[in-house]
Amino acid sequence: MKIAIPVDENKPSTGVCVSFGRAPYFMIFDTVSGENVFMDNSAAASQGGAGIKAAQFIVDAGAEVLLTPRCGENAAQVLSAAGVRMYKTTAGSASDNVAAFRAGNLQPLLETHPGFHGHGR
């Protein structure tokens, strides 16, 4: 299984980025190989629709799970339609959150926000 997390830097000890759509990177953790891959989030520089573009990026990367502190409703619809399950991150690094998810200690992310349409960075 592949687990995606929006992160601030391209290293496992980095913090989870509070902005899903505008995160600089995504860490993709493969539970089979145990490897982390860091991918630049090309949606971060978008004028609008960053969350939707980032969601499609996650789907295209083959992730089955997204760990994030929050998610906009349009991005959540894209992820949900693709069968990507979302879980709410806690304090700690990206690696800490992967470990918490694998231990069954993260809660499903059930609430979304309306998004920040057209606001950019």
N, C-alpha and C. Protein backbone atom coordinates (compact mmCIF):
# COMPACT_ATOMS: atom_id res chain seq x y z
N MET A 1 0.85 -1.18 0.00
CA MET A 1 0.00 0.00 0.00
C MET A 1 0.89 1.24 0.00
N LYS A 2 0.43 2.28 -0.68
CA LYS A 2 1.14 3.55 -0.69
C LYS A 2 0.36 4.56 0.14
N ILE A 3 1.11 5.26 1.00
CA ILE A 3 0.55 6.27 1.90
C ILE A 3 1.15 7.62 1.51
N ALA A 4 0.30 8.60 1.24
CA ALA A 4 0.76 9.94 0.85
C ALA A 4 0.59 10.91 2.01
N ILE A 5 1.56 11.83 2.15
CA ILE A 5 1.51 12.85 3.19
C ILE A 5 2.05 14.16 2.62
N PRO A 6 1.33 15.29 2.78
CA PRO A 6 1.88 16.58 2.37
C PRO A 6 2.95 17.00 3.38
N VAL A 7 4.14 17.33 2.88
CA VAL A 7 5.25 17.65 3.79
C VAL A 7 5.93 18.96 3.40
N ASP A 8 6.63 19.52 4.39
CA ASP A 8 7.33 20.79 4.20
C ASP A 8 8.68 20.64 3.52
N GLU A 9 9.37 19.52 3.76
CA GLU A 9 10.70 19.29 3.20
C GLU A 9 10.78 17.86 2.68
N ASN A 10 11.79 17.59 1.88
CA ASN A 10 11.91 16.25 1.31
C ASN A 10 12.81 15.35 2.15
N LYS A 11 12.39 15.14 3.42
CA LYS A 11 13.07 14.21 4.32
C LYS A 11 12.04 13.67 5.31
N PRO A 12 12.18 12.41 5.73
CA PRO A 12 11.18 11.76 6.58
C PRO A 12 10.95 12.45 7.93
N SER A 13 11.95 13.16 8.43
CA SER A 13 11.81 13.82 9.73
C SER A 13 11.06 15.16 9.64
N THR A 14 10.69 15.56 8.43
CA THR A 14 10.00 16.83 8.24
C THR A 14 8.61 16.80 8.87
N GLY A 15 8.09 17.98 9.10
CA GLY A 15 6.73 18.09 9.61
C GLY A 15 5.71 17.93 8.49
N VAL A 16 4.50 17.61 8.89
CA VAL A 16 3.39 17.53 7.95
C VAL A 16 2.96 18.94 7.61
N CYS A 17 2.80 19.23 6.34
CA CYS A 17 2.38 20.57 5.91
C CYS A 17 0.90 20.76 6.22
N VAL A 18 0.55 21.92 6.76
CA VAL A 18 -0.84 22.19 7.11
C VAL A 18 -1.72 22.42 5.89
N SER A 19 -1.14 22.74 4.75
CA SER A 19 -1.90 22.99 3.53
C SER A 19 -1.71 21.82 2.57
N PHE A 20 -2.75 21.03 2.39
CA PHE A 20 -2.66 19.88 1.49
C PHE A 20 -2.33 20.31 0.06
N GLY A 21 -3.15 21.16 -0.51
CA GLY A 21 -2.99 21.53 -1.92
C GLY A 21 -1.73 22.32 -2.23
N ARG A 22 -1.24 23.06 -1.26
CA ARG A 22 -0.06 23.91 -1.49
C ARG A 22 1.19 23.42 -0.77
N ALA A 23 1.17 22.18 -0.35
CA ALA A 23 2.37 21.60 0.26
C ALA A 23 3.50 21.59 -0.77
N PRO A 24 4.72 21.89 -0.37
CA PRO A 24 5.82 21.89 -1.33
C PRO A 24 6.12 20.49 -1.90
N TYR A 25 5.92 19.48 -1.04
CA TYR A 25 6.24 18.10 -1.44
C TYR A 25 5.17 17.15 -0.93
N PHE A 26 5.15 15.97 -1.52
CA PHE A 26 4.40 14.85 -0.97
C PHE A 26 5.38 13.72 -0.71
N MET A 27 5.28 13.14 0.47
CA MET A 27 6.03 11.95 0.78
C MET A 27 5.11 10.77 0.50
N ILE A 28 5.59 9.83 -0.29
CA ILE A 28 4.83 8.62 -0.58
C ILE A 28 5.59 7.47 0.08
N PHE A 29 4.95 6.86 1.08
CA PHE A 29 5.57 5.74 1.79
C PHE A 29 4.96 4.45 1.26
N ASP A 30 5.81 3.51 0.85
CA ASP A 30 5.37 2.22 0.33
C ASP A 30 5.51 1.19 1.46
N THR A 31 4.38 0.66 1.92
CA THR A 31 4.42 -0.29 3.04
C THR A 31 5.06 -1.62 2.66
N VAL A 32 5.10 -1.94 1.38
CA VAL A 32 5.71 -3.20 0.94
C VAL A 32 7.23 -3.10 0.95
N SER A 33 7.77 -2.03 0.34
CA SER A 33 9.23 -1.89 0.26
C SER A 33 9.81 -1.17 1.47
N GLY A 34 8.97 -0.41 2.19
CA GLY A 34 9.45 0.37 3.33
C GLY A 34 10.16 1.64 2.91
N GLU A 35 10.05 2.00 1.65
CA GLU A 35 10.76 3.18 1.13
C GLU A 35 9.87 4.41 1.07
N ASN A 36 10.50 5.56 1.25
CA ASN A 36 9.86 6.87 1.08
C ASN A 36 10.32 7.45 -0.25
N VAL A 37 9.39 8.02 -0.99
CA VAL A 37 9.72 8.76 -2.20
C VAL A 37 9.14 10.15 -2.00
N PHE A 38 9.91 11.16 -2.34
CA PHE A 38 9.46 12.54 -2.21
C PHE A 38 9.22 13.10 -3.61
N MET A 39 8.05 13.71 -3.77
CA MET A 39 7.67 14.25 -5.07
C MET A 39 7.33 15.72 -4.92
N ASP A 40 7.83 16.54 -5.84
CA ASP A 40 7.47 17.96 -5.86
C ASP A 40 5.99 18.08 -6.17
N ASN A 41 5.31 18.95 -5.47
CA ASN A 41 3.89 19.19 -5.71
C ASN A 41 3.76 20.31 -6.73
N SER A 42 3.55 19.95 -7.98
CA SER A 42 3.44 20.95 -9.04
C SER A 42 2.19 21.81 -8.88
N ALA A 43 1.20 21.35 -8.12
CA ALA A 43 -0.03 22.10 -7.90
C ALA A 43 0.18 23.30 -6.97
N ALA A 44 1.25 23.28 -6.19
CA ALA A 44 1.48 24.33 -5.19
C ALA A 44 1.53 25.72 -5.79
N ALA A 45 2.01 25.84 -7.01
CA ALA A 45 2.15 27.14 -7.65
C ALA A 45 0.93 27.55 -8.46
N SER A 46 -0.11 26.74 -8.44
CA SER A 46 -1.32 27.03 -9.23
C SER A 46 -2.01 28.30 -8.76
N GLN A 47 -2.58 29.03 -9.70
CA GLN A 47 -3.35 30.22 -9.35
C GLN A 47 -4.61 29.84 -8.58
N GLY A 48 -5.22 28.74 -8.96
CA GLY A 48 -6.43 28.26 -8.30
C GLY A 48 -6.56 26.76 -8.53
N GLY A 49 -7.40 26.13 -7.73
CA GLY A 49 -7.62 24.70 -7.89
C GLY A 49 -6.47 23.83 -7.45
N ALA A 50 -5.62 24.35 -6.57
CA ALA A 50 -4.44 23.59 -6.13
C ALA A 50 -4.84 22.29 -5.44
N GLY A 51 -5.88 22.33 -4.64
CA GLY A 51 -6.30 21.13 -3.92
C GLY A 51 -6.76 20.03 -4.86
N ILE A 52 -7.54 20.40 -5.86
CA ILE A 52 -8.03 19.42 -6.84
C ILE A 52 -6.86 18.83 -7.62
N LYS A 53 -5.93 19.69 -8.05
CA LYS A 53 -4.77 19.21 -8.79
C LYS A 53 -3.89 18.31 -7.92
N ALA A 54 -3.71 18.70 -6.66
CA ALA A 54 -2.91 17.89 -5.75
C ALA A 54 -3.59 16.54 -5.50
N ALA A 55 -4.91 16.55 -5.37
CA ALA A 55 -5.65 15.31 -5.17
C ALA A 55 -5.45 14.37 -6.35
N GLN A 56 -5.54 14.91 -7.56
CA GLN A 56 -5.33 14.08 -8.75
C GLN A 56 -3.90 13.55 -8.80
N PHE A 57 -2.95 14.36 -8.36
CA PHE A 57 -1.55 13.96 -8.28
C PHE A 57 -1.40 12.74 -7.36
N ILE A 58 -2.08 12.78 -6.21
CA ILE A 58 -2.04 11.68 -5.24
C ILE A 58 -2.65 10.42 -5.84
N VAL A 59 -3.77 10.59 -6.52
CA VAL A 59 -4.43 9.45 -7.18
C VAL A 59 -3.49 8.85 -8.23
N ASP A 60 -2.90 9.71 -9.06
CA ASP A 60 -1.99 9.24 -10.12
C ASP A 60 -0.75 8.56 -9.56
N ALA A 61 -0.34 8.94 -8.35
CA ALA A 61 0.83 8.32 -7.71
C ALA A 61 0.50 6.93 -7.16
N GLY A 62 -0.78 6.57 -7.17
CA GLY A 62 -1.17 5.24 -6.72
C GLY A 62 -1.39 5.12 -5.23
N ALA A 63 -1.52 6.26 -4.54
CA ALA A 63 -1.73 6.21 -3.09
C ALA A 63 -3.13 5.68 -2.77
N GLU A 64 -3.21 4.87 -1.73
CA GLU A 64 -4.49 4.35 -1.25
C GLU A 64 -4.95 5.08 0.00
N VAL A 65 -4.00 5.79 0.64
CA VAL A 65 -4.27 6.49 1.89
C VAL A 65 -3.59 7.86 1.84
N LEU A 66 -4.29 8.87 2.35
CA LEU A 66 -3.72 10.21 2.51
C LEU A 66 -3.78 10.56 3.99
N LEU A 67 -2.64 10.96 4.54
CA LEU A 67 -2.57 11.46 5.91
C LEU A 67 -2.38 12.96 5.81
N THR A 68 -3.31 13.74 6.37
CA THR A 68 -3.26 15.19 6.24
C THR A 68 -4.02 15.84 7.40
N PRO A 69 -3.62 17.05 7.79
CA PRO A 69 -4.35 17.71 8.88
C PRO A 69 -5.72 18.22 8.44
N ARG A 70 -5.87 18.55 7.16
CA ARG A 70 -7.15 19.05 6.65
C ARG A 70 -7.16 18.90 5.14
N CYS A 71 -8.38 19.02 4.59
CA CYS A 71 -8.54 18.87 3.14
C CYS A 71 -9.78 19.64 2.70
N GLY A 72 -9.69 20.29 1.57
CA GLY A 72 -10.84 21.00 1.01
C GLY A 72 -11.85 20.02 0.44
N GLU A 73 -13.10 20.47 0.37
CA GLU A 73 -14.17 19.55 -0.06
C GLU A 73 -14.03 19.09 -1.50
N ASN A 74 -13.57 19.95 -2.41
CA ASN A 74 -13.41 19.52 -3.80
C ASN A 74 -12.29 18.49 -3.95
N ALA A 75 -11.19 18.71 -3.26
CA ALA A 75 -10.10 17.74 -3.28
C ALA A 75 -10.56 16.43 -2.65
N ALA A 76 -11.32 16.51 -1.57
CA ALA A 76 -11.83 15.31 -0.89
C ALA A 76 -12.73 14.51 -1.82
N GLN A 77 -13.52 15.21 -2.65
CA GLN A 77 -14.39 14.50 -3.59
C GLN A 77 -13.57 13.72 -4.62
N VAL A 78 -12.48 14.31 -5.11
CA VAL A 78 -11.60 13.63 -6.07
C VAL A 78 -10.99 12.39 -5.41
N LEU A 79 -10.50 12.57 -4.19
CA LEU A 79 -9.86 11.46 -3.49
C LEU A 79 -10.87 10.35 -3.18
N SER A 80 -12.02 10.73 -2.71
CA SER A 80 -13.06 9.76 -2.38
C SER A 80 -13.50 8.97 -3.61
N ALA A 81 -13.69 9.66 -4.73
CA ALA A 81 -14.10 9.00 -5.97
C ALA A 81 -13.07 7.96 -6.42
N ALA A 82 -11.81 8.20 -6.10
CA ALA A 82 -10.74 7.28 -6.47
C ALA A 82 -10.49 6.20 -5.41
N GLY A 83 -11.24 6.27 -4.31
CA GLY A 83 -11.08 5.26 -3.25
C GLY A 83 -9.93 5.51 -2.30
N VAL A 84 -9.39 6.73 -2.29
CA VAL A 84 -8.31 7.08 -1.38
C VAL A 84 -8.92 7.41 -0.01
N ARG A 85 -8.48 6.70 1.01
CA ARG A 85 -8.96 6.94 2.37
C ARG A 85 -8.13 8.04 3.01
N MET A 86 -8.78 8.92 3.78
CA MET A 86 -8.10 10.05 4.41
C MET A 86 -8.11 9.91 5.92
N TYR A 87 -6.97 10.22 6.53
CA TYR A 87 -6.82 10.18 7.98
C TYR A 87 -6.20 11.48 8.46
N LYS A 88 -6.63 11.92 9.65
CA LYS A 88 -6.16 13.18 10.23
C LYS A 88 -4.83 12.97 10.93
N THR A 89 -3.84 13.78 10.56
CA THR A 89 -2.52 13.69 11.18
C THR A 89 -2.54 14.28 12.59
N THR A 90 -1.52 13.94 13.34
CA THR A 90 -1.32 14.49 14.68
C THR A 90 0.02 15.22 14.68
N ALA A 91 0.37 15.81 15.80
CA ALA A 91 1.67 16.47 15.92
C ALA A 91 2.77 15.45 15.69
N GLY A 92 3.88 15.90 15.16
CA GLY A 92 5.00 15.01 14.92
C GLY A 92 5.42 15.04 13.46
N SER A 93 6.41 14.26 13.14
CA SER A 93 6.95 14.22 11.79
C SER A 93 6.08 13.38 10.87
N ALA A 94 6.41 13.43 9.60
CA ALA A 94 5.72 12.61 8.61
C ALA A 94 5.90 11.13 8.97
N SER A 95 7.11 10.75 9.33
CA SER A 95 7.38 9.35 9.71
C SER A 95 6.60 8.94 10.96
N ASP A 96 6.48 9.86 11.93
CA ASP A 96 5.69 9.57 13.14
C ASP A 96 4.23 9.29 12.76
N ASN A 97 3.72 10.04 11.81
CA ASN A 97 2.33 9.86 11.41
C ASN A 97 2.13 8.57 10.62
N VAL A 98 3.09 8.18 9.82
CA VAL A 98 3.01 6.88 9.14
C VAL A 98 2.97 5.77 10.18
N ALA A 99 3.85 5.85 11.18
CA ALA A 99 3.87 4.84 12.25
C ALA A 99 2.54 4.81 13.01
N ALA A 100 1.99 5.99 13.29
CA ALA A 100 0.71 6.06 14.00
C ALA A 100 -0.41 5.45 13.17
N PHE A 101 -0.41 5.71 11.87
CA PHE A 101 -1.42 5.12 10.99
C PHE A 101 -1.29 3.61 10.99
N ARG A 102 -0.08 3.13 10.82
CA ARG A 102 0.14 1.67 10.75
C ARG A 102 -0.24 0.98 12.05
N ALA A 103 -0.15 1.71 13.16
CA ALA A 103 -0.52 1.15 14.47
C ALA A 103 -2.02 1.30 14.74
N GLY A 104 -2.74 1.95 13.81
CA GLY A 104 -4.17 2.14 13.98
C GLY A 104 -4.53 3.29 14.90
N ASN A 105 -3.61 4.24 15.07
CA ASN A 105 -3.81 5.33 16.01
C ASN A 105 -4.25 6.66 15.39
N LEU A 106 -4.51 6.71 14.09
CA LEU A 106 -5.02 7.93 13.47
C LEU A 106 -6.51 7.77 13.18
N GLN A 107 -7.22 8.87 13.33
CA GLN A 107 -8.67 8.87 13.09
C GLN A 107 -8.96 9.24 11.63
N PRO A 108 -10.02 8.68 11.06
CA PRO A 108 -10.41 9.11 9.71
C PRO A 108 -10.68 10.61 9.67
N LEU A 109 -10.32 11.24 8.58
CA LEU A 109 -10.60 12.67 8.38
C LEU A 109 -12.00 12.76 7.79
N LEU A 110 -12.94 13.19 8.61
CA LEU A 110 -14.35 13.20 8.21
C LEU A 110 -14.86 14.58 7.85
N GLU A 111 -14.16 15.62 8.29
CA GLU A 111 -14.59 16.99 8.01
C GLU A 111 -13.68 17.63 6.97
N THR A 112 -14.30 18.32 6.02
CA THR A 112 -13.54 19.06 5.03
C THR A 112 -13.91 20.53 5.15
N HIS A 113 -13.12 21.39 4.53
CA HIS A 113 -13.42 22.82 4.54
C HIS A 113 -13.76 23.25 3.12
N PRO A 114 -14.39 24.40 2.97
CA PRO A 114 -14.82 24.84 1.65
C PRO A 114 -13.67 25.15 0.69
N GLY A 115 -12.47 25.24 1.16
CA GLY A 115 -11.34 25.57 0.28
C GLY A 115 -11.05 27.06 0.29
N PHE A 116 -9.97 27.41 -0.34
CA PHE A 116 -9.55 28.81 -0.40
C PHE A 116 -9.49 29.22 -1.86
N HIS A 117 -10.56 29.02 -2.56
CA HIS A 117 -10.63 29.18 -4.01
C HIS A 117 -10.10 30.52 -4.49
N GLY A 118 -9.09 30.45 -5.35
CA GLY A 118 -8.55 31.63 -5.98
C GLY A 118 -7.66 32.49 -5.11
N HIS A 119 -7.34 32.02 -3.92
CA HIS A 119 -6.54 32.86 -3.02
C HIS A 119 -5.05 32.67 -3.20
N GLY A 120 -4.62 31.58 -3.81
CA GLY A 120 -3.19 31.36 -4.02
C GLY A 120 -2.42 31.41 -2.73
N ARG A 121 -1.14 31.66 -2.84
CA ARG A 121 -0.29 31.72 -1.65
C ARG A 121 0.03 33.12 -1.28
